[in-house]
Amino acid sequence: PDQRSIGTDAIDFIAESGFVCNAAAYG
């Protein structure tokens, strides 16, 4: 995981999933 962007990456991804995907499993 890219430590510089992991926070933004995870939020962006789970938001695109409709907050269904687990942030740790898919972020």
mmCIF file of all heavy atoms, coordinates in Angstrom:
data_MODEL
# 
_entry.id   MODEL 
# 
loop_
_atom_site.group_PDB 
_atom_site.id 
_atom_site.type_symbol 
_atom_site.label_atom_id 
_atom_site.label_alt_id 
_atom_site.label_comp_id 
_atom_site.label_asym_id 
_atom_site.label_entity_id 
_atom_site.label_seq_id 
_atom_site.pdbx_PDB_ins_code 
_atom_site.Cartn_x 
_atom_site.Cartn_y 
_atom_site.Cartn_z 
_atom_site.occupancy 
_atom_site.B_iso_or_equiv 
_atom_site.pdbx_formal_charge 
_atom_site.auth_seq_id 
_atom_site.auth_comp_id 
_atom_site.auth_asym_id 
_atom_site.auth_atom_id 
_atom_site.pdbx_PDB_model_num 
ATOM 1   N N   . PRO A 1 1  ? 0.823   -1.211 0.000  1.00 0.00 ? 1  PRO A N   1 
ATOM 2   C CA  . PRO A 1 1  ? 0.000   0.000  0.000  1.00 0.00 ? 1  PRO A CA  1 
ATOM 3   C C   . PRO A 1 1  ? 0.854   1.257  0.000  1.00 0.00 ? 1  PRO A C   1 
ATOM 4   O O   . PRO A 1 1  ? 1.865   1.343  0.691  1.00 0.00 ? 1  PRO A O   1 
ATOM 5   C CB  . PRO A 1 1  ? -0.806  -0.126 1.302  1.00 0.00 ? 1  PRO A CB  1 
ATOM 6   C CG  . PRO A 1 1  ? -0.855  -1.595 1.572  1.00 0.00 ? 1  PRO A CG  1 
ATOM 7   C CD  . PRO A 1 1  ? 0.456   -2.139 1.096  1.00 0.00 ? 1  PRO A CD  1 
ATOM 8   N N   . ASP A 1 2  ? 0.467   2.226  -0.798 1.00 0.00 ? 2  ASP A N   1 
ATOM 9   C CA  . ASP A 1 2  ? 1.166   3.502  -0.905 1.00 0.00 ? 2  ASP A CA  1 
ATOM 10  C C   . ASP A 1 2  ? 0.877   4.319  0.358  1.00 0.00 ? 2  ASP A C   1 
ATOM 11  O O   . ASP A 1 2  ? -0.238  4.816  0.542  1.00 0.00 ? 2  ASP A O   1 
ATOM 12  C CB  . ASP A 1 2  ? 0.684   4.239  -2.146 1.00 0.00 ? 2  ASP A CB  1 
ATOM 13  C CG  . ASP A 1 2  ? 1.517   5.481  -2.445 1.00 0.00 ? 2  ASP A CG  1 
ATOM 14  O OD1 . ASP A 1 2  ? 2.154   6.002  -1.516 1.00 0.00 ? 2  ASP A OD1 1 
ATOM 15  O OD2 . ASP A 1 2  ? 1.516   5.925  -3.606 1.00 0.00 ? 2  ASP A OD2 1 
ATOM 16  N N   . GLN A 1 3  ? 1.866   4.449  1.231  1.00 0.00 ? 3  GLN A N   1 
ATOM 17  C CA  . GLN A 1 3  ? 1.663   5.122  2.506  1.00 0.00 ? 3  GLN A CA  1 
ATOM 18  C C   . GLN A 1 3  ? 1.303   6.598  2.335  1.00 0.00 ? 3  GLN A C   1 
ATOM 19  O O   . GLN A 1 3  ? 0.659   7.190  3.199  1.00 0.00 ? 3  GLN A O   1 
ATOM 20  C CB  . GLN A 1 3  ? 2.928   5.000  3.377  1.00 0.00 ? 3  GLN A CB  1 
ATOM 21  C CG  . GLN A 1 3  ? 3.308   3.581  3.714  1.00 0.00 ? 3  GLN A CG  1 
ATOM 22  C CD  . GLN A 1 3  ? 2.223   2.856  4.493  1.00 0.00 ? 3  GLN A CD  1 
ATOM 23  O OE1 . GLN A 1 3  ? 1.597   3.426  5.374  1.00 0.00 ? 3  GLN A OE1 1 
ATOM 24  N NE2 . GLN A 1 3  ? 1.988   1.591  4.157  1.00 0.00 ? 3  GLN A NE2 1 
ATOM 25  N N   . ARG A 1 4  ? 1.683   7.189  1.214  1.00 0.00 ? 4  ARG A N   1 
ATOM 26  C CA  . ARG A 1 4  ? 1.386   8.608  1.001  1.00 0.00 ? 4  ARG A CA  1 
ATOM 27  C C   . ARG A 1 4  ? -0.082  8.844  0.690  1.00 0.00 ? 4  ARG A C   1 
ATOM 28  O O   . ARG A 1 4  ? -0.595  9.940  0.925  1.00 0.00 ? 4  ARG A O   1 
ATOM 29  C CB  . ARG A 1 4  ? 2.241   9.155  -0.145 1.00 0.00 ? 4  ARG A CB  1 
ATOM 30  C CG  . ARG A 1 4  ? 3.742   9.096  0.098  1.00 0.00 ? 4  ARG A CG  1 
ATOM 31  C CD  . ARG A 1 4  ? 4.500   9.307  -1.201 1.00 0.00 ? 4  ARG A CD  1 
ATOM 32  N NE  . ARG A 1 4  ? 4.157   8.272  -2.186 1.00 0.00 ? 4  ARG A NE  1 
ATOM 33  C CZ  . ARG A 1 4  ? 4.638   8.240  -3.414 1.00 0.00 ? 4  ARG A CZ  1 
ATOM 34  N NH1 . ARG A 1 4  ? 5.456   9.188  -3.843 1.00 0.00 ? 4  ARG A NH1 1 
ATOM 35  N NH2 . ARG A 1 4  ? 4.291   7.271  -4.251 1.00 0.00 ? 4  ARG A NH2 1 
ATOM 36  N N   . SER A 1 5  ? -0.748  7.835  0.171  1.00 0.00 ? 5  SER A N   1 
ATOM 37  C CA  . SER A 1 5  ? -2.115  8.062  -0.290 1.00 0.00 ? 5  SER A CA  1 
ATOM 38  C C   . SER A 1 5  ? -3.118  7.043  0.227  1.00 0.00 ? 5  SER A C   1 
ATOM 39  O O   . SER A 1 5  ? -4.276  7.055  -0.196 1.00 0.00 ? 5  SER A O   1 
ATOM 40  C CB  . SER A 1 5  ? -2.136  8.036  -1.828 1.00 0.00 ? 5  SER A CB  1 
ATOM 41  O OG  . SER A 1 5  ? -1.689  6.773  -2.307 1.00 0.00 ? 5  SER A OG  1 
ATOM 42  N N   . ILE A 1 6  ? -2.705  6.165  1.156  1.00 0.00 ? 6  ILE A N   1 
ATOM 43  C CA  . ILE A 1 6  ? -3.583  5.078  1.574  1.00 0.00 ? 6  ILE A CA  1 
ATOM 44  C C   . ILE A 1 6  ? -4.890  5.590  2.162  1.00 0.00 ? 6  ILE A C   1 
ATOM 45  O O   . ILE A 1 6  ? -5.965  5.020  1.932  1.00 0.00 ? 6  ILE A O   1 
ATOM 46  C CB  . ILE A 1 6  ? -2.868  4.137  2.570  1.00 0.00 ? 6  ILE A CB  1 
ATOM 47  C CG1 . ILE A 1 6  ? -3.755  2.923  2.908  1.00 0.00 ? 6  ILE A CG1 1 
ATOM 48  C CG2 . ILE A 1 6  ? -2.456  4.876  3.825  1.00 0.00 ? 6  ILE A CG2 1 
ATOM 49  C CD1 . ILE A 1 6  ? -4.081  2.047  1.747  1.00 0.00 ? 6  ILE A CD1 1 
ATOM 50  N N   . GLY A 1 7  ? -4.849  6.677  2.918  1.00 0.00 ? 7  GLY A N   1 
ATOM 51  C CA  . GLY A 1 7  ? -6.073  7.203  3.514  1.00 0.00 ? 7  GLY A CA  1 
ATOM 52  C C   . GLY A 1 7  ? -7.066  7.637  2.456  1.00 0.00 ? 7  GLY A C   1 
ATOM 53  O O   . GLY A 1 7  ? -8.238  7.234  2.465  1.00 0.00 ? 7  GLY A O   1 
ATOM 54  N N   . THR A 1 8  ? -6.605  8.437  1.509  1.00 0.00 ? 8  THR A N   1 
ATOM 55  C CA  . THR A 1 8  ? -7.467  8.899  0.422  1.00 0.00 ? 8  THR A CA  1 
ATOM 56  C C   . THR A 1 8  ? -7.907  7.736  -0.459 1.00 0.00 ? 8  THR A C   1 
ATOM 57  O O   . THR A 1 8  ? -9.069  7.652  -0.867 1.00 0.00 ? 8  THR A O   1 
ATOM 58  C CB  . THR A 1 8  ? -6.729  9.943  -0.434 1.00 0.00 ? 8  THR A CB  1 
ATOM 59  O OG1 . THR A 1 8  ? -6.331  11.027 0.409  1.00 0.00 ? 8  THR A OG1 1 
ATOM 60  C CG2 . THR A 1 8  ? -7.621  10.462 -1.534 1.00 0.00 ? 8  THR A CG2 1 
ATOM 61  N N   . ASP A 1 9  ? -6.982  6.824  -0.753 1.00 0.00 ? 9  ASP A N   1 
ATOM 62  C CA  . ASP A 1 9  ? -7.300  5.676  -1.597 1.00 0.00 ? 9  ASP A CA  1 
ATOM 63  C C   . ASP A 1 9  ? -8.452  4.861  -1.007 1.00 0.00 ? 9  ASP A C   1 
ATOM 64  O O   . ASP A 1 9  ? -9.400  4.498  -1.709 1.00 0.00 ? 9  ASP A O   1 
ATOM 65  C CB  . ASP A 1 9  ? -6.082  4.763  -1.739 1.00 0.00 ? 9  ASP A CB  1 
ATOM 66  C CG  . ASP A 1 9  ? -5.046  5.300  -2.717 1.00 0.00 ? 9  ASP A CG  1 
ATOM 67  O OD1 . ASP A 1 9  ? -5.372  6.265  -3.444 1.00 0.00 ? 9  ASP A OD1 1 
ATOM 68  O OD2 . ASP A 1 9  ? -3.936  4.754  -2.753 1.00 0.00 ? 9  ASP A OD2 1 
ATOM 69  N N   . ALA A 1 10 ? -8.332  4.533  0.283  1.00 0.00 ? 10 ALA A N   1 
ATOM 70  C CA  . ALA A 1 10 ? -9.336  3.682  0.920  1.00 0.00 ? 10 ALA A CA  1 
ATOM 71  C C   . ALA A 1 10 ? -10.695 4.366  0.953  1.00 0.00 ? 10 ALA A C   1 
ATOM 72  O O   . ALA A 1 10 ? -11.729 3.736  0.661  1.00 0.00 ? 10 ALA A O   1 
ATOM 73  C CB  . ALA A 1 10 ? -8.892  3.304  2.327  1.00 0.00 ? 10 ALA A CB  1 
ATOM 74  N N   . ILE A 1 11 ? -10.718 5.643  1.294  1.00 0.00 ? 11 ILE A N   1 
ATOM 75  C CA  . ILE A 1 11 ? -11.993 6.366  1.347  1.00 0.00 ? 11 ILE A CA  1 
ATOM 76  C C   . ILE A 1 11 ? -12.618 6.442  -0.040 1.00 0.00 ? 11 ILE A C   1 
ATOM 77  O O   . ILE A 1 11 ? -13.821 6.220  -0.212 1.00 0.00 ? 11 ILE A O   1 
ATOM 78  C CB  . ILE A 1 11 ? -11.789 7.775  1.933  1.00 0.00 ? 11 ILE A CB  1 
ATOM 79  C CG1 . ILE A 1 11 ? -11.410 7.660  3.414  1.00 0.00 ? 11 ILE A CG1 1 
ATOM 80  C CG2 . ILE A 1 11 ? -13.059 8.612  1.782  1.00 0.00 ? 11 ILE A CG2 1 
ATOM 81  C CD1 . ILE A 1 11 ? -11.014 8.974  4.047  1.00 0.00 ? 11 ILE A CD1 1 
ATOM 82  N N   . ASP A 1 12 ? -11.804 6.739  -1.039 1.00 0.00 ? 12 ASP A N   1 
ATOM 83  C CA  . ASP A 1 12 ? -12.317 6.816  -2.406 1.00 0.00 ? 12 ASP A CA  1 
ATOM 84  C C   . ASP A 1 12 ? -12.908 5.472  -2.844 1.00 0.00 ? 12 ASP A C   1 
ATOM 85  O O   . ASP A 1 12 ? -13.981 5.413  -3.458 1.00 0.00 ? 12 ASP A O   1 
ATOM 86  C CB  . ASP A 1 12 ? -11.210 7.231  -3.377 1.00 0.00 ? 12 ASP A CB  1 
ATOM 87  C CG  . ASP A 1 12 ? -10.822 8.689  -3.235 1.00 0.00 ? 12 ASP A CG  1 
ATOM 88  O OD1 . ASP A 1 12 ? -11.560 9.438  -2.546 1.00 0.00 ? 12 ASP A OD1 1 
ATOM 89  O OD2 . ASP A 1 12 ? -9.785  9.083  -3.806 1.00 0.00 ? 12 ASP A OD2 1 
ATOM 90  N N   . PHE A 1 13 ? -12.193 4.376  -2.528 1.00 0.00 ? 13 PHE A N   1 
ATOM 91  C CA  . PHE A 1 13 ? -12.639 3.068  -2.997 1.00 0.00 ? 13 PHE A CA  1 
ATOM 92  C C   . PHE A 1 13 ? -13.931 2.640  -2.310 1.00 0.00 ? 13 PHE A C   1 
ATOM 93  O O   . PHE A 1 13 ? -14.878 2.184  -2.975 1.00 0.00 ? 13 PHE A O   1 
ATOM 94  C CB  . PHE A 1 13 ? -11.552 2.016  -2.779 1.00 0.00 ? 13 PHE A CB  1 
ATOM 95  C CG  . PHE A 1 13 ? -11.841 0.726  -3.503 1.00 0.00 ? 13 PHE A CG  1 
ATOM 96  C CD1 . PHE A 1 13 ? -11.504 0.583  -4.834 1.00 0.00 ? 13 PHE A CD1 1 
ATOM 97  C CD2 . PHE A 1 13 ? -12.469 -0.325 -2.860 1.00 0.00 ? 13 PHE A CD2 1 
ATOM 98  C CE1 . PHE A 1 13 ? -11.786 -0.597 -5.527 1.00 0.00 ? 13 PHE A CE1 1 
ATOM 99  C CE2 . PHE A 1 13 ? -12.764 -1.500 -3.536 1.00 0.00 ? 13 PHE A CE2 1 
ATOM 100 C CZ  . PHE A 1 13 ? -12.423 -1.638 -4.871 1.00 0.00 ? 13 PHE A CZ  1 
ATOM 101 N N   . ILE A 1 14 ? -13.994 2.764  -0.988 1.00 0.00 ? 14 ILE A N   1 
ATOM 102 C CA  . ILE A 1 14 ? -15.206 2.318  -0.301 1.00 0.00 ? 14 ILE A CA  1 
ATOM 103 C C   . ILE A 1 14 ? -16.395 3.210  -0.646 1.00 0.00 ? 14 ILE A C   1 
ATOM 104 O O   . ILE A 1 14 ? -17.540 2.743  -0.685 1.00 0.00 ? 14 ILE A O   1 
ATOM 105 C CB  . ILE A 1 14 ? -15.006 2.217  1.223  1.00 0.00 ? 14 ILE A CB  1 
ATOM 106 C CG1 . ILE A 1 14 ? -14.688 3.580  1.851  1.00 0.00 ? 14 ILE A CG1 1 
ATOM 107 C CG2 . ILE A 1 14 ? -13.935 1.189  1.553  1.00 0.00 ? 14 ILE A CG2 1 
ATOM 108 C CD1 . ILE A 1 14 ? -14.600 3.538  3.371  1.00 0.00 ? 14 ILE A CD1 1 
ATOM 109 N N   . ALA A 1 15 ? -16.138 4.490  -0.933 1.00 0.00 ? 15 ALA A N   1 
ATOM 110 C CA  . ALA A 1 15 ? -17.233 5.370  -1.358 1.00 0.00 ? 15 ALA A CA  1 
ATOM 111 C C   . ALA A 1 15 ? -17.775 4.938  -2.717 1.00 0.00 ? 15 ALA A C   1 
ATOM 112 O O   . ALA A 1 15 ? -18.991 4.904  -2.937 1.00 0.00 ? 15 ALA A O   1 
ATOM 113 C CB  . ALA A 1 15 ? -16.766 6.819  -1.402 1.00 0.00 ? 15 ALA A CB  1 
ATOM 114 N N   . GLU A 1 16 ? -16.876 4.582  -3.641 1.00 0.00 ? 16 GLU A N   1 
ATOM 115 C CA  . GLU A 1 16 ? -17.316 4.116  -4.955 1.00 0.00 ? 16 GLU A CA  1 
ATOM 116 C C   . GLU A 1 16 ? -18.107 2.809  -4.848 1.00 0.00 ? 16 GLU A C   1 
ATOM 117 O O   . GLU A 1 16 ? -18.973 2.531  -5.681 1.00 0.00 ? 16 GLU A O   1 
ATOM 118 C CB  . GLU A 1 16 ? -16.116 3.920  -5.888 1.00 0.00 ? 16 GLU A CB  1 
ATOM 119 C CG  . GLU A 1 16 ? -15.408 5.202  -6.296 1.00 0.00 ? 16 GLU A CG  1 
ATOM 120 C CD  . GLU A 1 16 ? -16.231 6.057  -7.249 1.00 0.00 ? 16 GLU A CD  1 
ATOM 121 O OE1 . GLU A 1 16 ? -17.249 5.552  -7.781 1.00 0.00 ? 16 GLU A OE1 1 
ATOM 122 O OE2 . GLU A 1 16 ? -15.859 7.226  -7.457 1.00 0.00 ? 16 GLU A OE2 1 
ATOM 123 N N   . SER A 1 17 ? -17.822 1.998  -3.840 1.00 0.00 ? 17 SER A N   1 
ATOM 124 C CA  . SER A 1 17 ? -18.548 0.744  -3.652 1.00 0.00 ? 17 SER A CA  1 
ATOM 125 C C   . SER A 1 17 ? -19.914 0.957  -3.016 1.00 0.00 ? 17 SER A C   1 
ATOM 126 O O   . SER A 1 17 ? -20.699 0.009  -2.906 1.00 0.00 ? 17 SER A O   1 
ATOM 127 C CB  . SER A 1 17 ? -17.741 -0.224 -2.772 1.00 0.00 ? 17 SER A CB  1 
ATOM 128 O OG  . SER A 1 17 ? -17.828 0.129  -1.398 1.00 0.00 ? 17 SER A OG  1 
ATOM 129 N N   . GLY A 1 18 ? -20.199 2.188  -2.612 1.00 0.00 ? 18 GLY A N   1 
ATOM 130 C CA  . GLY A 1 18 ? -21.431 2.466  -1.875 1.00 0.00 ? 18 GLY A CA  1 
ATOM 131 C C   . GLY A 1 18 ? -21.272 2.165  -0.397 1.00 0.00 ? 18 GLY A C   1 
ATOM 132 O O   . GLY A 1 18 ? -22.241 1.905  0.300  1.00 0.00 ? 18 GLY A O   1 
ATOM 133 N N   . PHE A 1 19 ? -20.027 2.212  0.098  1.00 0.00 ? 19 PHE A N   1 
ATOM 134 C CA  . PHE A 1 19 ? -19.680 1.891  1.484  1.00 0.00 ? 19 PHE A CA  1 
ATOM 135 C C   . PHE A 1 19 ? -20.082 0.456  1.827  1.00 0.00 ? 19 PHE A C   1 
ATOM 136 O O   . PHE A 1 19 ? -20.561 0.168  2.917  1.00 0.00 ? 19 PHE A O   1 
ATOM 137 C CB  . PHE A 1 19 ? -20.303 2.897  2.463  1.00 0.00 ? 19 PHE A CB  1 
ATOM 138 C CG  . PHE A 1 19 ? -19.799 4.289  2.263  1.00 0.00 ? 19 PHE A CG  1 
ATOM 139 C CD1 . PHE A 1 19 ? -20.564 5.219  1.593  1.00 0.00 ? 19 PHE A CD1 1 
ATOM 140 C CD2 . PHE A 1 19 ? -18.546 4.658  2.715  1.00 0.00 ? 19 PHE A CD2 1 
ATOM 141 C CE1 . PHE A 1 19 ? -20.095 6.499  1.370  1.00 0.00 ? 19 PHE A CE1 1 
ATOM 142 C CE2 . PHE A 1 19 ? -18.063 5.943  2.505  1.00 0.00 ? 19 PHE A CE2 1 
ATOM 143 C CZ  . PHE A 1 19 ? -18.838 6.865  1.829  1.00 0.00 ? 19 PHE A CZ  1 
ATOM 144 N N   . VAL A 1 20 ? -19.860 -0.449 0.872  1.00 0.00 ? 20 VAL A N   1 
ATOM 145 C CA  . VAL A 1 20 ? -20.100 -1.874 1.080  1.00 0.00 ? 20 VAL A CA  1 
ATOM 146 C C   . VAL A 1 20 ? -18.775 -2.602 1.305  1.00 0.00 ? 20 VAL A C   1 
ATOM 147 O O   . VAL A 1 20 ? -18.682 -3.485 2.149  1.00 0.00 ? 20 VAL A O   1 
ATOM 148 C CB  . VAL A 1 20 ? -20.848 -2.488 -0.118 1.00 0.00 ? 20 VAL A CB  1 
ATOM 149 C CG1 . VAL A 1 20 ? -21.087 -3.980 0.095  1.00 0.00 ? 20 VAL A CG1 1 
ATOM 150 C CG2 . VAL A 1 20 ? -22.183 -1.775 -0.343 1.00 0.00 ? 20 VAL A CG2 1 
ATOM 151 N N   . CYS A 1 21 ? -17.735 -2.231 0.560  1.00 0.00 ? 21 CYS A N   1 
ATOM 152 C CA  . CYS A 1 21 ? -16.435 -2.899 0.690  1.00 0.00 ? 21 CYS A CA  1 
ATOM 153 C C   . CYS A 1 21 ? -15.740 -2.513 1.990  1.00 0.00 ? 21 CYS A C   1 
ATOM 154 O O   . CYS A 1 21 ? -15.811 -1.374 2.446  1.00 0.00 ? 21 CYS A O   1 
ATOM 155 C CB  . CYS A 1 21 ? -15.537 -2.534 -0.492 1.00 0.00 ? 21 CYS A CB  1 
ATOM 156 S SG  . CYS A 1 21 ? -16.070 -3.237 -2.060 1.00 0.00 ? 21 CYS A SG  1 
ATOM 157 N N   . ASN A 1 22 ? -15.035 -3.475 2.560  1.00 0.00 ? 22 ASN A N   1 
ATOM 158 C CA  . ASN A 1 22 ? -14.288 -3.275 3.794  1.00 0.00 ? 22 ASN A CA  1 
ATOM 159 C C   . ASN A 1 22 ? -13.024 -2.462 3.506  1.00 0.00 ? 22 ASN A C   1 
ATOM 160 O O   . ASN A 1 22 ? -12.244 -2.801 2.619  1.00 0.00 ? 22 ASN A O   1 
ATOM 161 C CB  . ASN A 1 22 ? -13.923 -4.639 4.382  1.00 0.00 ? 22 ASN A CB  1 
ATOM 162 C CG  . ASN A 1 22 ? -13.235 -4.550 5.724  1.00 0.00 ? 22 ASN A CG  1 
ATOM 163 O OD1 . ASN A 1 22 ? -12.120 -4.062 5.830  1.00 0.00 ? 22 ASN A OD1 1 
ATOM 164 N ND2 . ASN A 1 22 ? -13.905 -5.059 6.744  1.00 0.00 ? 22 ASN A ND2 1 
ATOM 165 N N   . ALA A 1 23 ? -12.813 -1.375 4.265  1.00 0.00 ? 23 ALA A N   1 
ATOM 166 C CA  . ALA A 1 23 ? -11.698 -0.465 4.007  1.00 0.00 ? 23 ALA A CA  1 
ATOM 167 C C   . ALA A 1 23 ? -10.342 -1.151 4.119  1.00 0.00 ? 23 ALA A C   1 
ATOM 168 O O   . ALA A 1 23 ? -9.423  -0.870 3.343  1.00 0.00 ? 23 ALA A O   1 
ATOM 169 C CB  . ALA A 1 23 ? -11.761 0.727  4.974  1.00 0.00 ? 23 ALA A CB  1 
ATOM 170 N N   . ALA A 1 24 ? -10.190 -2.066 5.079  1.00 0.00 ? 24 ALA A N   1 
ATOM 171 C CA  . ALA A 1 24 ? -8.900  -2.740 5.251  1.00 0.00 ? 24 ALA A CA  1 
ATOM 172 C C   . ALA A 1 24 ? -8.681  -3.810 4.200  1.00 0.00 ? 24 ALA A C   1 
ATOM 173 O O   . ALA A 1 24 ? -7.562  -4.010 3.718  1.00 0.00 ? 24 ALA A O   1 
ATOM 174 C CB  . ALA A 1 24 ? -8.819  -3.362 6.647  1.00 0.00 ? 24 ALA A CB  1 
ATOM 175 N N   . ALA A 1 25 ? -9.753  -4.509 3.804  1.00 0.00 ? 25 ALA A N   1 
ATOM 176 C CA  . ALA A 1 25 ? -9.619  -5.597 2.842  1.00 0.00 ? 25 ALA A CA  1 
ATOM 177 C C   . ALA A 1 25 ? -9.395  -5.092 1.424  1.00 0.00 ? 25 ALA A C   1 
ATOM 178 O O   . ALA A 1 25 ? -8.755  -5.771 0.613  1.00 0.00 ? 25 ALA A O   1 
ATOM 179 C CB  . ALA A 1 25 ? -10.859 -6.490 2.887  1.00 0.00 ? 25 ALA A CB  1 
ATOM 180 N N   . TYR A 1 26 ? -9.903  -3.888 1.104  1.00 0.00 ? 26 TYR A N   1 
ATOM 181 C CA  . TYR A 1 26 ? -9.863  -3.435 -0.285 1.00 0.00 ? 26 TYR A CA  1 
ATOM 182 C C   . TYR A 1 26 ? -9.255  -2.049 -0.479 1.00 0.00 ? 26 TYR A C   1 
ATOM 183 O O   . TYR A 1 26 ? -9.070  -1.622 -1.622 1.00 0.00 ? 26 TYR A O   1 
ATOM 184 C CB  . TYR A 1 26 ? -11.280 -3.423 -0.874 1.00 0.00 ? 26 TYR A CB  1 
ATOM 185 C CG  . TYR A 1 26 ? -11.920 -4.784 -0.887 1.00 0.00 ? 26 TYR A CG  1 
ATOM 186 C CD1 . TYR A 1 26 ? -12.898 -5.130 0.040  1.00 0.00 ? 26 TYR A CD1 1 
ATOM 187 C CD2 . TYR A 1 26 ? -11.541 -5.731 -1.819 1.00 0.00 ? 26 TYR A CD2 1 
ATOM 188 C CE1 . TYR A 1 26 ? -13.485 -6.387 0.032  1.00 0.00 ? 26 TYR A CE1 1 
ATOM 189 C CE2 . TYR A 1 26 ? -12.116 -6.996 -1.836 1.00 0.00 ? 26 TYR A CE2 1 
ATOM 190 C CZ  . TYR A 1 26 ? -13.083 -7.315 -0.905 1.00 0.00 ? 26 TYR A CZ  1 
ATOM 191 O OH  . TYR A 1 26 ? -13.648 -8.562 -0.910 1.00 0.00 ? 26 TYR A OH  1 
ATOM 192 N N   . GLY A 1 27 ? -8.924  -1.355 0.587  1.00 0.00 ? 27 GLY A N   1 
ATOM 193 C CA  . GLY A 1 27 ? -8.414  0.011  0.458  1.00 0.00 ? 27 GLY A CA  1 
ATOM 194 C C   . GLY A 1 27 ? -7.080  0.122  -0.244 1.00 0.00 ? 27 GLY A C   1 
ATOM 195 O O   . GLY A 1 27 ? -6.704  1.213  -0.691 1.00 0.00 ? 27 GLY A O   1 
# 
